[in-house]
Amino acid sequence: MDFNDLDSDSEHNSNDIAAILQYLISSGQVRIIAASPQLYNDGSDDETAVRCTPKADHYPDTSCLKGSDLSQAILLNSGALNDRHANSPAGMIPLPCMLRSREIGMNGRQHFSLGDRCQIMQRVIPNKKDVLDRYTGKVFCGTFARDGDVFMSAAQDYCIRLYDTSKGLFNLKKLVEARDVGWSILDTAVSPDGNTFIYCSWSECIHICNVSEDQELHEALPLYPEERRFCVFALRFSQDGSEILGGANDQYLYVYNREVNRRTLRIYSHEDDVNTVAFADNTSQILFSGGDDGICKVWDRRTLCEFSPKPVGILAGHEDGITYVDSKGDGRHLITNSKDQTIKLWDMRMFSPSSCMEGAYKAVKSHNWDYRWQRVPTSLNRQKRKLPGDTSLMTYRGHSVLQTLIRCHFSPETTTGQSYIYTGCAQGRIIVYDVLTGKIKATLKGHKGCVRDVSWHPYRNEIMSSSWDGTIVKWTFNKTEIDSDSEEGSTVYSHGDGGLRRSQRLADQRRKQESEIC
């Protein structure tokens, strides 16, 4: 929403001004200077909208996932379909037994399979907090490059920082001062070849820079919008890096072609701001977009036309705006994060009927609130029934989506078999959901402000979180942290293998079962 569009002649003018002022204060754009320092708390503005812990769904509806090809693929990739894993307590073979089996070649090989490695990694989900850097402004973006050797962050101080993360290091490699920034840098993306990156803000241009320090590239790529006040909220590179896909506040999708150096497409896509875009897979032919109208739309790049843009399908089921879309990368499945405080899992082969779009629009408009500074309406917190036409496979609840466009992702395939969905949270947490059960696997606590972005290293057992408290945090596994109840860097686990041992009798029983397997 652009507050400049509010009707100045409205009889509710005073209320609008109050709403604008409260939003500006809560977002950090305006600060109140008081005579007494006690009257202003630098961290209080981020706490105004986050007072109630969202309730997790203890009995998620998994009926649509049982027996599905997604369920089978995750179980296979994570090693859960292995006969020895399936017959062990809670589906996990003790690590000493796995090592013994590997040494004597019981699996027909003398090395761990991908499923074996994923089974091991499921026991060591990152839980230890390590603050790697602190900024003077809120951190909006933080992502690993595709190979994991570079981590890029963007903050409200108008700076983009690139860190060398190869070989487990975290050294500042390059600092770029962003140009033409309105309020903050809102999204970034690294090209598939790792040579360049792009960023966007409240500006009619996307900017492109080089990653290496050998040469300097910093160019503006104009999109020529028709709106005076314009912002690109989300950016993505195509697989070959030749095109840039963007979603903007003017309800349009933009495609910029780097080979001809100009905007090649401008597609009317949503009834409100376009908050997020994504490619379905490496072909870059199928696109996803999500907006404040609560609809996720699926587009075919080969049939896009400015004069009569038509999506190949829609996914309706959210009751408020969509903040982020992430693809599983298989060309079929995706997740959407929403201001209705849920993540939904979709199969793009199961579209919602087009007749359901109006019902979804009506549901979104029925919630008269602003997630940037108001509390979540009670109607959203209590809502658990599906909207008519909701074809989602699963709904995940337990995280808070307030103040900003919070991101969510599938966990890496190499180390977890994509068994998890992880997301930031307005309460300063990272929530890790089990894809198949819908339950929270782990909750990482330690930030003092909203966690807007999270990124799991593609090959190492590390999660990076970027927060509005101005910090970049690396989470790694430490066994001693499981028993810690301290608020700083604390972790709450909900392990499928029973979690913490609460009695000697249960511990003895478990050891007996493990010895029988070996």
Protein backbone atom coordinates (compact mmCIF):
# COMPACT_ATOMS: atom_id res chain seq x y z
CA MET A 1 0.00 0.00 0.00
CA ASP A 2 1.19 3.51 -0.79
CA PHE A 3 0.00 5.93 1.87
CA ASN A 4 0.26 8.77 -0.67
CA ASP A 5 -2.84 7.32 -2.32
CA LEU A 6 -5.05 7.86 0.73
CA ASP A 7 -8.04 10.06 0.03
CA SER A 8 -7.27 13.48 1.46
CA ASP A 9 -10.95 14.46 1.37
CA SER A 10 -12.03 11.55 3.53
CA GLU A 11 -13.88 12.26 6.74
CA HIS A 12 -11.41 9.87 8.38
CA ASN A 13 -8.47 12.11 7.55
CA SER A 14 -7.28 12.37 11.14
CA ASN A 15 -7.34 8.61 11.55
CA ASP A 16 -5.34 8.23 8.33
CA ILE A 17 -2.72 10.67 9.55
CA ALA A 18 -2.43 8.80 12.83
CA ALA A 19 -2.06 5.53 10.94
CA ILE A 20 0.63 7.02 8.71
CA LEU A 21 2.54 8.41 11.68
CA GLN A 22 2.39 5.14 13.60
CA TYR A 23 3.60 3.24 10.52
CA LEU A 24 6.50 5.65 9.96
CA ILE A 25 7.53 5.33 13.61
CA SER A 26 7.25 1.53 13.67
CA SER A 27 9.20 1.15 10.41
CA GLY A 28 12.04 3.32 11.64
CA GLN A 29 11.55 6.11 9.09
CA VAL A 30 10.57 8.56 11.84
CA ARG A 31 11.85 8.62 15.39
CA ILE A 32 10.54 10.59 18.34
CA ILE A 33 13.21 12.56 20.17
CA ALA A 34 12.32 12.93 23.83
CA ALA A 35 13.88 14.93 26.63
CA SER A 36 14.24 11.76 28.69
CA PRO A 37 15.97 8.77 27.10
CA GLN A 38 13.59 6.48 28.97
CA LEU A 39 10.72 7.78 26.86
CA TYR A 40 12.19 6.27 23.73
CA ASN A 41 13.45 2.72 23.47
CA ASP A 42 15.31 1.99 20.24
CA GLY A 43 13.97 -1.55 20.14
CA SER A 44 10.41 -0.85 21.16
CA ASP A 45 9.13 0.04 17.71
CA ASP A 46 9.68 -3.49 16.48
CA GLU A 47 7.82 -4.95 19.42
CA THR A 48 4.54 -3.04 19.07
CA ALA A 49 2.98 -5.53 16.67
CA VAL A 50 4.53 -8.69 18.12
CA ARG A 51 3.11 -9.45 21.53
CA CYS A 52 1.40 -12.81 21.15
CA THR A 53 3.21 -15.99 20.21
CA PRO A 54 1.45 -17.58 17.22
CA LYS A 55 -0.10 -20.96 17.95
CA ALA A 56 1.31 -23.95 16.14
CA ASP A 57 -1.04 -26.52 14.63
CA HIS A 58 -0.58 -29.65 16.76
CA TYR A 59 -2.76 -31.78 14.48
CA PRO A 60 -2.08 -30.69 10.88
CA ASP A 61 -4.20 -32.21 8.14
CA THR A 62 -1.79 -34.45 6.20
CA SER A 63 -4.44 -36.32 4.20
CA CYS A 64 -3.48 -34.70 0.88
CA LEU A 65 0.18 -35.66 1.29
CA LYS A 66 -0.21 -39.31 2.25
CA GLY A 67 0.85 -41.51 -0.64
CA SER A 68 1.59 -38.52 -2.89
CA ASP A 69 4.61 -38.47 -5.19
CA LEU A 70 6.01 -35.58 -3.14
CA SER A 71 5.85 -37.66 0.02
CA GLN A 72 7.57 -40.59 -1.68
CA ALA A 73 10.26 -38.34 -3.16
CA ILE A 74 11.09 -36.75 0.20
CA LEU A 75 11.13 -40.11 2.00
CA LEU A 76 13.40 -41.53 -0.69
CA ASN A 77 15.80 -38.57 -0.77
CA SER A 78 16.01 -38.39 3.01
CA GLY A 79 16.73 -42.12 3.36
CA ALA A 80 13.52 -42.91 5.23
CA LEU A 81 12.50 -45.59 2.71
CA ASN A 82 15.65 -47.59 3.43
CA ASP A 83 14.51 -50.88 5.01
CA ARG A 84 16.93 -50.58 7.90
CA HIS A 85 15.84 -47.02 8.69
CA ALA A 86 12.16 -47.92 8.38
CA ASN A 87 12.47 -50.80 10.86
CA SER A 88 14.43 -48.83 13.46
CA PRO A 89 12.86 -46.87 16.36
CA ALA A 90 11.33 -43.63 15.04
CA GLY A 91 12.85 -44.41 11.63
CA MET A 92 16.46 -43.67 12.62
CA ILE A 93 19.41 -46.07 12.91
CA PRO A 94 21.94 -45.13 15.63
CA LEU A 95 25.00 -43.47 14.13
CA PRO A 96 27.47 -46.10 15.47
CA CYS A 97 25.44 -48.79 13.69
CA MET A 98 25.49 -46.79 10.45
CA LEU A 99 29.27 -46.43 10.70
CA ARG A 100 29.67 -50.15 11.34
CA SER A 101 27.46 -51.03 8.38
CA ARG A 102 29.44 -48.72 6.13
CA GLU A 103 32.77 -50.26 7.17
CA ILE A 104 31.68 -53.84 6.47
CA GLY A 105 29.82 -52.91 3.27
CA MET A 106 26.36 -54.06 4.35
CA ASN A 107 24.71 -51.66 1.90
CA GLY A 108 26.74 -52.89 -1.04
CA ARG A 109 29.10 -49.95 -0.77
CA GLN A 110 31.68 -48.57 1.63
CA HIS A 111 30.38 -45.04 1.72
CA PHE A 112 27.21 -43.30 2.85
CA SER A 113 24.43 -42.83 0.32
CA LEU A 114 22.65 -39.49 -0.06
CA GLY A 115 19.81 -40.86 2.06
CA ASP A 116 22.24 -41.96 4.78
CA ARG A 117 23.80 -38.50 4.89
CA CYS A 118 20.38 -36.89 5.14
CA GLN A 119 19.47 -39.25 7.98
CA ILE A 120 22.56 -38.12 9.85
CA MET A 121 21.88 -34.43 9.20
CA GLN A 122 18.35 -34.74 10.59
CA ARG A 123 19.88 -35.35 14.02
CA VAL A 124 22.01 -32.22 13.93
CA ILE A 125 19.75 -29.37 12.86
CA PRO A 126 21.61 -26.09 13.53
CA ASN A 127 20.92 -24.71 16.99
CA LYS A 128 23.93 -22.66 18.15
CA LYS A 129 23.91 -18.91 17.63
CA ASP A 130 27.01 -17.04 16.46
CA VAL A 131 26.70 -13.32 15.63
CA LEU A 132 28.95 -12.70 12.61
CA ASP A 133 28.27 -9.03 11.94
CA ARG A 134 26.32 -6.04 13.25
CA TYR A 135 25.00 -3.13 11.22
CA THR A 136 23.62 0.27 12.13
CA GLY A 137 20.43 -0.40 10.16
CA LYS A 138 17.89 -3.17 9.81
CA VAL A 139 18.97 -6.12 7.67
CA PHE A 140 16.51 -6.86 4.88
CA CYS A 141 18.25 -9.53 2.80
CA GLY A 142 20.78 -12.27 3.41
CA THR A 143 21.34 -15.17 0.99
CA PHE A 144 24.00 -17.64 -0.05
CA ALA A 145 25.03 -17.78 -3.70
CA ARG A 146 24.24 -21.02 -5.52
CA ASP A 147 27.61 -22.62 -4.74
CA GLY A 148 27.61 -21.40 -1.13
CA ASP A 149 30.98 -19.66 -1.45
CA VAL A 150 29.51 -16.14 -1.19
CA PHE A 151 26.98 -14.73 1.28
CA MET A 152 25.35 -11.40 0.35
CA SER A 153 23.48 -9.12 2.73
CA ALA A 154 21.62 -5.85 2.25
CA ALA A 155 20.63 -3.45 5.00
CA GLN A 156 18.88 -0.16 5.63
CA ASP A 157 22.25 1.58 5.75
CA TYR A 158 22.20 1.45 1.91
CA CYS A 159 25.12 -0.98 1.82
CA ILE A 160 25.40 -4.41 0.20
CA ARG A 161 28.06 -6.64 1.70
CA LEU A 162 29.54 -9.73 0.11
CA TYR A 163 31.32 -12.23 2.34
CA ASP A 164 33.69 -15.01 1.37
CA THR A 165 32.15 -18.12 2.93
CA SER A 166 34.31 -20.73 1.21
CA LYS A 167 36.05 -23.27 3.45
CA GLY A 168 33.83 -22.29 6.38
CA LEU A 169 35.12 -18.72 6.51
CA PHE A 170 33.12 -15.49 6.84
CA ASN A 171 35.33 -12.65 5.64
CA LEU A 172 34.09 -9.39 4.15
CA LYS A 173 34.98 -9.56 0.49
CA LYS A 174 33.35 -6.44 -0.91
CA LEU A 175 31.13 -3.55 0.20
CA VAL A 176 28.94 -1.79 -2.35
CA GLU A 177 27.14 1.47 -1.61
CA ALA A 178 23.74 1.23 -3.26
CA ARG A 179 22.46 4.02 -5.47
CA ASP A 180 19.03 5.61 -5.81
CA VAL A 181 17.71 3.93 -2.65
CA GLY A 182 14.34 4.87 -1.18
CA TRP A 183 14.05 3.82 2.48
CA SER A 184 15.95 0.52 2.07
CA ILE A 185 17.24 -2.11 -0.33
CA LEU A 186 14.36 -4.58 -0.59
CA ASP A 187 15.69 -7.54 -2.58
CA THR A 188 18.90 -8.91 -4.08
CA ALA A 189 19.86 -11.82 -6.32
CA VAL A 190 23.13 -13.35 -7.51
CA SER A 191 23.42 -14.49 -11.13
CA PRO A 192 23.67 -18.26 -11.76
CA ASP A 193 27.33 -17.93 -12.83
CA GLY A 194 28.12 -16.04 -9.62
CA ASN A 195 29.72 -13.10 -11.44
CA THR A 196 27.09 -10.39 -10.93
CA PHE A 197 24.29 -9.44 -8.57
CA ILE A 198 21.26 -7.18 -8.73
CA TYR A 199 19.30 -5.17 -6.18
CA CYS A 200 16.11 -3.12 -6.06
CA SER A 201 14.44 -0.45 -3.96
CA TRP A 202 11.93 2.36 -4.30
CA SER A 203 13.32 3.32 -7.69
CA GLU A 204 12.34 2.92 -11.34
CA CYS A 205 15.63 1.11 -11.98
CA ILE A 206 17.15 -2.23 -11.08
CA HIS A 207 20.87 -1.99 -10.41
CA ILE A 208 23.49 -4.55 -11.42
CA CYS A 209 27.00 -4.92 -9.97
CA ASN A 210 29.88 -7.38 -10.26
CA VAL A 211 30.77 -9.77 -7.46
CA SER A 212 34.54 -9.85 -7.97
CA GLU A 213 36.90 -7.12 -6.86
CA ASP A 214 38.92 -7.19 -10.09
CA GLN A 215 36.63 -4.85 -12.00
CA GLU A 216 33.92 -2.39 -11.06
CA LEU A 217 30.44 -2.63 -12.54
CA HIS A 218 27.51 -0.63 -11.21
CA GLU A 219 24.81 0.12 -13.76
CA ALA A 220 21.16 1.11 -13.66
CA LEU A 221 18.68 -0.97 -15.67
CA PRO A 222 15.63 1.25 -16.25
CA LEU A 223 12.16 -0.34 -16.29
CA TYR A 224 10.24 2.80 -17.39
CA PRO A 225 7.13 2.31 -15.23
CA GLU A 226 4.06 4.46 -15.62
CA GLU A 227 3.67 5.09 -11.89
CA ARG A 228 5.46 8.06 -10.34
CA ARG A 229 6.07 6.28 -7.04
CA PHE A 230 7.49 2.93 -8.04
CA CYS A 231 9.16 0.01 -6.30
CA VAL A 232 10.33 -3.46 -7.31
CA PHE A 233 9.73 -5.75 -4.34
CA ALA A 234 11.25 -8.97 -5.74
CA LEU A 235 13.92 -10.00 -8.25
CA ARG A 236 15.07 -13.25 -9.86
CA PHE A 237 17.61 -14.23 -12.52
CA SER A 238 16.65 -16.76 -15.18
CA GLN A 239 18.74 -19.96 -15.29
CA ASP A 240 21.07 -18.69 -18.03
CA GLY A 241 21.25 -15.22 -16.47
CA SER A 242 19.99 -13.52 -19.63
CA GLU A 243 16.73 -12.27 -18.12
CA ILE A 244 15.70 -10.60 -14.88
CA LEU A 245 12.19 -11.10 -13.54
CA GLY A 246 10.72 -8.53 -11.18
CA GLY A 247 7.46 -7.87 -9.34
CA ALA A 248 6.43 -4.31 -8.50
CA ASN A 249 3.97 -2.19 -6.55
CA ASP A 250 2.11 -1.15 -9.72
CA GLN A 251 0.59 -4.67 -10.04
CA TYR A 252 2.88 -5.58 -12.95
CA LEU A 253 5.55 -8.17 -13.68
CA TYR A 254 8.67 -6.90 -15.47
CA VAL A 255 11.16 -8.81 -17.60
CA TYR A 256 14.48 -7.15 -18.41
CA ASN A 257 16.63 -8.76 -21.09
CA ARG A 258 20.35 -8.31 -20.44
CA GLU A 259 21.34 -9.30 -23.98
CA VAL A 260 19.44 -6.41 -25.58
CA ASN A 261 19.73 -4.20 -22.46
CA ARG A 262 16.10 -3.16 -22.22
CA ARG A 263 12.78 -4.04 -20.70
CA THR A 264 11.10 -6.60 -22.94
CA LEU A 265 7.88 -7.35 -21.05
CA ARG A 266 5.50 -5.55 -18.72
CA ILE A 267 2.61 -7.81 -17.67
CA TYR A 268 -0.45 -6.82 -15.65
CA SER A 269 -0.57 -9.65 -13.13
CA HIS A 270 -2.33 -8.88 -9.81
CA GLU A 271 -5.02 -6.71 -8.26
CA ASP A 272 -2.52 -5.27 -5.77
CA ASP A 273 1.24 -5.08 -5.10
CA VAL A 274 3.32 -7.93 -6.54
CA ASN A 275 5.44 -8.94 -3.55
CA THR A 276 7.29 -12.00 -4.82
CA VAL A 277 8.34 -13.85 -7.98
CA ALA A 278 10.12 -17.15 -8.67
CA PHE A 279 11.01 -19.60 -11.43
CA ALA A 280 9.58 -23.11 -11.15
CA ASP A 281 12.75 -24.91 -12.24
CA ASN A 282 15.97 -24.59 -14.22
CA THR A 283 14.17 -24.26 -17.56
CA SER A 284 12.99 -20.76 -16.51
CA GLN A 285 9.85 -21.24 -18.61
CA ILE A 286 7.32 -21.43 -15.77
CA LEU A 287 7.01 -18.43 -13.43
CA PHE A 288 5.30 -17.90 -10.10
CA SER A 289 4.06 -14.58 -8.73
CA GLY A 290 2.35 -13.69 -5.48
CA GLY A 291 0.72 -10.46 -4.43
CA ASP A 292 -1.24 -8.60 -1.81
CA ASP A 293 -4.43 -9.90 -3.43
CA GLY A 294 -3.67 -13.27 -1.79
CA ILE A 295 -3.37 -15.15 -5.10
CA CYS A 296 -0.38 -17.07 -6.41
CA LYS A 297 -0.36 -17.15 -10.20
CA VAL A 298 1.47 -19.52 -12.53
CA TRP A 299 2.70 -18.16 -15.87
CA ASP A 300 4.25 -19.72 -18.96
CA ARG A 301 7.09 -17.53 -20.21
CA ARG A 302 6.56 -18.80 -23.77
CA THR A 303 3.00 -17.47 -23.97
CA LEU A 304 3.35 -14.19 -22.07
CA CYS A 305 1.84 -11.29 -23.98
CA GLU A 306 1.48 -7.71 -22.81
CA PHE A 307 -1.83 -7.17 -24.58
CA SER A 308 -3.72 -10.14 -23.11
CA PRO A 309 -1.76 -11.65 -20.24
CA LYS A 310 -3.32 -14.85 -18.94
CA PRO A 311 -1.83 -17.12 -16.29
CA VAL A 312 -1.91 -20.85 -16.97
CA GLY A 313 -3.44 -21.29 -13.53
CA ILE A 314 -4.04 -19.80 -10.10
CA LEU A 315 -3.52 -21.07 -6.56
CA ALA A 316 -6.10 -19.57 -4.18
CA GLY A 317 -6.40 -20.36 -0.49
CA HIS A 318 -4.64 -17.65 1.48
CA GLU A 319 -6.78 -15.14 3.34
CA ASP A 320 -4.30 -12.29 3.09
CA GLY A 321 -1.43 -11.08 0.94
CA ILE A 322 1.42 -13.39 -0.09
CA THR A 323 4.87 -12.26 1.03
CA TYR A 324 7.09 -14.90 -0.57
CA VAL A 325 7.13 -17.80 -3.03
CA ASP A 326 9.78 -20.52 -3.11
CA SER A 327 9.94 -23.35 -5.62
CA LYS A 328 11.07 -26.85 -4.73
CA GLY A 329 12.88 -26.88 -8.07
CA ASP A 330 11.08 -29.95 -9.44
CA GLY A 331 8.75 -27.97 -11.69
CA ARG A 332 5.74 -29.07 -9.64
CA HIS A 333 5.77 -28.00 -6.01
CA LEU A 334 6.06 -24.62 -4.32
CA ILE A 335 5.40 -22.91 -1.00
CA THR A 336 3.89 -19.51 -0.27
CA ASN A 337 4.25 -17.43 2.88
CA SER A 338 1.38 -15.13 3.76
CA LYS A 339 0.19 -12.34 6.01
CA ASP A 340 -2.57 -14.71 7.14
CA GLN A 341 0.22 -16.24 9.29
CA THR A 342 0.50 -19.48 7.30
CA ILE A 343 2.73 -21.19 4.78
CA LYS A 344 0.98 -23.31 2.18
CA LEU A 345 2.41 -26.15 0.11
CA TRP A 346 1.09 -26.47 -3.45
CA ASP A 347 1.24 -28.81 -6.42
CA MET A 348 0.99 -26.69 -9.56
CA ARG A 349 -0.75 -29.58 -11.32
CA MET A 350 -3.72 -28.92 -9.01
CA PHE A 351 -4.91 -25.40 -9.81
CA SER A 352 -7.76 -23.68 -8.05
CA PRO A 353 -10.91 -23.10 -10.14
CA SER A 354 -10.89 -19.62 -11.64
CA SER A 355 -14.32 -19.09 -10.11
CA CYS A 356 -12.71 -19.13 -6.65
CA MET A 357 -10.66 -16.00 -7.29
CA GLU A 358 -13.43 -13.64 -6.29
CA GLY A 359 -13.94 -15.55 -3.05
CA ALA A 360 -10.24 -15.22 -2.27
CA TYR A 361 -10.32 -11.49 -3.00
CA LYS A 362 -13.31 -11.12 -0.70
CA ALA A 363 -11.56 -13.00 2.12
CA VAL A 364 -8.49 -10.77 1.82
CA LYS A 365 -10.52 -7.57 1.85
CA SER A 366 -12.56 -8.72 4.85
CA HIS A 367 -9.54 -8.34 7.16
CA ASN A 368 -9.30 -4.62 7.83
CA TRP A 369 -5.78 -4.36 9.25
CA ASP A 370 -2.23 -3.40 8.29
CA TYR A 371 0.33 -6.07 9.06
CA ARG A 372 3.13 -3.51 9.22
CA TRP A 373 2.09 -2.10 12.58
CA GLN A 374 -1.15 -3.70 13.81
CA ARG A 375 -1.76 -6.94 15.68
CA VAL A 376 -2.97 -10.02 13.84
CA PRO A 377 -6.78 -10.04 13.77
CA THR A 378 -8.36 -12.70 15.94
CA SER A 379 -10.25 -14.00 12.91
CA LEU A 380 -6.96 -14.95 11.22
CA ASN A 381 -5.51 -16.58 14.32
CA ARG A 382 -8.56 -18.76 14.77
CA GLN A 383 -9.13 -19.58 11.11
CA LYS A 384 -8.34 -23.20 10.24
CA ARG A 385 -10.92 -24.11 7.63
CA LYS A 386 -9.98 -24.03 3.96
CA LEU A 387 -11.46 -21.50 1.60
CA PRO A 388 -13.56 -22.93 -1.23
CA GLY A 389 -11.21 -23.94 -4.04
CA ASP A 390 -8.13 -24.16 -1.81
CA THR A 391 -6.09 -26.96 -3.45
CA SER A 392 -3.05 -26.67 -1.18
CA LEU A 393 -1.49 -29.93 0.01
CA MET A 394 -0.59 -28.66 3.48
CA THR A 395 -0.83 -25.59 5.70
CA TYR A 396 1.89 -24.76 8.24
CA ARG A 397 1.21 -22.61 11.30
CA GLY A 398 3.41 -21.39 14.14
CA HIS A 399 5.38 -18.43 12.79
CA SER A 400 4.52 -14.74 12.72
CA VAL A 401 4.38 -12.66 9.52
CA LEU A 402 4.31 -8.99 10.49
CA GLN A 403 6.04 -5.71 9.64
CA THR A 404 7.75 -6.83 6.40
CA LEU A 405 7.81 -9.39 3.58
CA ILE A 406 9.21 -12.37 5.49
CA ARG A 407 10.78 -15.17 3.42
CA CYS A 408 10.51 -18.96 3.58
CA HIS A 409 12.39 -21.73 1.78
CA PHE A 410 12.71 -25.45 1.24
CA SER A 411 15.77 -26.87 3.00
CA PRO A 412 18.68 -28.04 0.78
CA GLU A 413 18.35 -31.30 -1.10
CA THR A 414 21.97 -32.36 -0.64
CA THR A 415 21.97 -32.33 3.16
CA THR A 416 18.30 -32.72 4.13
CA GLY A 417 16.52 -34.23 1.13
CA GLN A 418 14.29 -31.12 1.24
CA SER A 419 12.54 -32.60 4.26
CA TYR A 420 11.99 -29.20 5.88
CA ILE A 421 10.53 -25.76 5.29
CA TYR A 422 12.24 -22.97 7.22
CA THR A 423 11.11 -19.39 7.65
CA GLY A 424 11.85 -16.14 9.40
CA CYS A 425 9.49 -14.79 12.04
CA ALA A 426 8.47 -11.36 13.31
CA GLN A 427 9.25 -12.53 16.85
CA GLY A 428 12.96 -12.88 16.10
CA ARG A 429 12.87 -16.63 15.56
CA ILE A 430 13.65 -19.14 12.82
CA ILE A 431 11.01 -21.83 12.50
CA VAL A 432 11.79 -25.19 10.88
CA TYR A 433 8.76 -27.24 9.81
CA ASP A 434 8.71 -30.90 8.82
CA VAL A 435 7.27 -30.93 5.30
CA LEU A 436 5.40 -34.22 5.66
CA THR A 437 4.02 -33.91 9.20
CA GLY A 438 3.38 -30.16 9.21
CA LYS A 439 4.77 -29.92 12.72
CA ILE A 440 7.56 -27.66 13.97
CA LYS A 441 10.87 -29.54 13.98
CA ALA A 442 12.93 -26.80 15.61
CA THR A 443 12.61 -23.21 16.80
CA LEU A 444 15.78 -21.11 16.89
CA LYS A 445 15.57 -18.16 19.28
CA GLY A 446 18.06 -15.37 19.80
CA HIS A 447 17.25 -12.31 17.68
CA LYS A 448 15.76 -9.19 19.24
CA GLY A 449 13.97 -8.07 16.10
CA CYS A 450 12.05 -9.43 13.15
CA VAL A 451 13.93 -12.06 11.10
CA ARG A 452 13.15 -11.10 7.50
CA ASP A 453 15.44 -13.46 5.60
CA VAL A 454 16.95 -16.89 6.21
CA SER A 455 19.35 -18.95 4.09
CA TRP A 456 20.51 -22.56 4.58
CA HIS A 457 23.94 -23.33 3.12
CA PRO A 458 23.51 -25.66 0.13
CA TYR A 459 26.22 -28.10 1.31
CA ARG A 460 27.11 -27.27 4.92
CA ASN A 461 25.00 -27.59 8.04
CA GLU A 462 24.65 -23.84 8.54
CA ILE A 463 21.68 -21.47 8.57
CA MET A 464 22.15 -17.71 8.22
CA SER A 465 19.51 -15.35 9.60
CA SER A 466 19.18 -11.64 8.81
CA SER A 467 17.26 -9.55 11.30
CA TRP A 468 15.88 -6.10 11.91
CA ASP A 469 17.98 -6.03 15.08
CA GLY A 470 20.89 -5.26 12.74
CA THR A 471 22.66 -8.61 13.06
CA ILE A 472 23.74 -11.44 10.78
CA VAL A 473 23.70 -14.72 12.70
CA LYS A 474 25.12 -18.11 11.76
CA TRP A 475 23.44 -21.15 13.29
CA THR A 476 25.39 -24.41 13.60
CA PHE A 477 24.80 -27.57 15.59
CA ASN A 478 26.10 -27.94 19.13
CA LYS A 479 24.87 -30.81 21.29
CA THR A 480 25.21 -28.81 24.51
CA GLU A 481 22.74 -26.22 23.22
CA ILE A 482 19.90 -28.76 23.30
CA ASP A 483 19.93 -28.72 27.09
CA SER A 484 20.19 -24.94 27.29
CA ASP A 485 17.14 -22.90 28.25
CA SER A 486 18.79 -19.50 27.95
CA GLU A 487 17.00 -16.94 25.82
CA GLU A 488 20.21 -16.00 23.98
CA GLY A 489 20.62 -18.52 21.21
CA SER A 490 18.19 -21.02 22.71
CA THR A 491 16.63 -23.83 20.73
CA VAL A 492 13.43 -25.78 21.15
CA TYR A 493 13.52 -29.18 19.47
CA SER A 494 10.65 -31.46 18.58
CA HIS A 495 12.58 -34.49 17.38
CA GLY A 496 10.89 -37.46 15.85
CA ASP A 497 13.28 -39.71 17.78
CA GLY A 498 11.92 -38.63 21.12
CA GLY A 499 13.97 -35.50 21.70
CA LEU A 500 15.42 -35.15 25.16
CA ARG A 501 15.58 -38.25 27.36
CA ARG A 502 13.41 -37.53 30.37
CA SER A 503 13.95 -40.69 32.43
CA GLN A 504 16.54 -43.37 32.95
CA ARG A 505 13.97 -46.06 32.13
CA LEU A 506 13.27 -44.60 28.67
CA ALA A 507 16.99 -44.16 28.04
CA ASP A 508 17.70 -47.78 28.93
CA GLN A 509 14.83 -48.97 26.75
CA ARG A 510 16.13 -46.96 23.82
CA ARG A 511 19.66 -48.33 24.19
CA LYS A 512 18.28 -51.86 24.21
CA GLN A 513 16.37 -51.25 20.98
CA GLU A 514 19.46 -49.75 19.35
CA SER A 515 21.61 -52.71 20.34
CA GLU A 516 19.11 -55.08 18.75
CA ILE A 517 19.36 -53.20 15.46
CA CYS A 518 23.14 -53.35 15.42
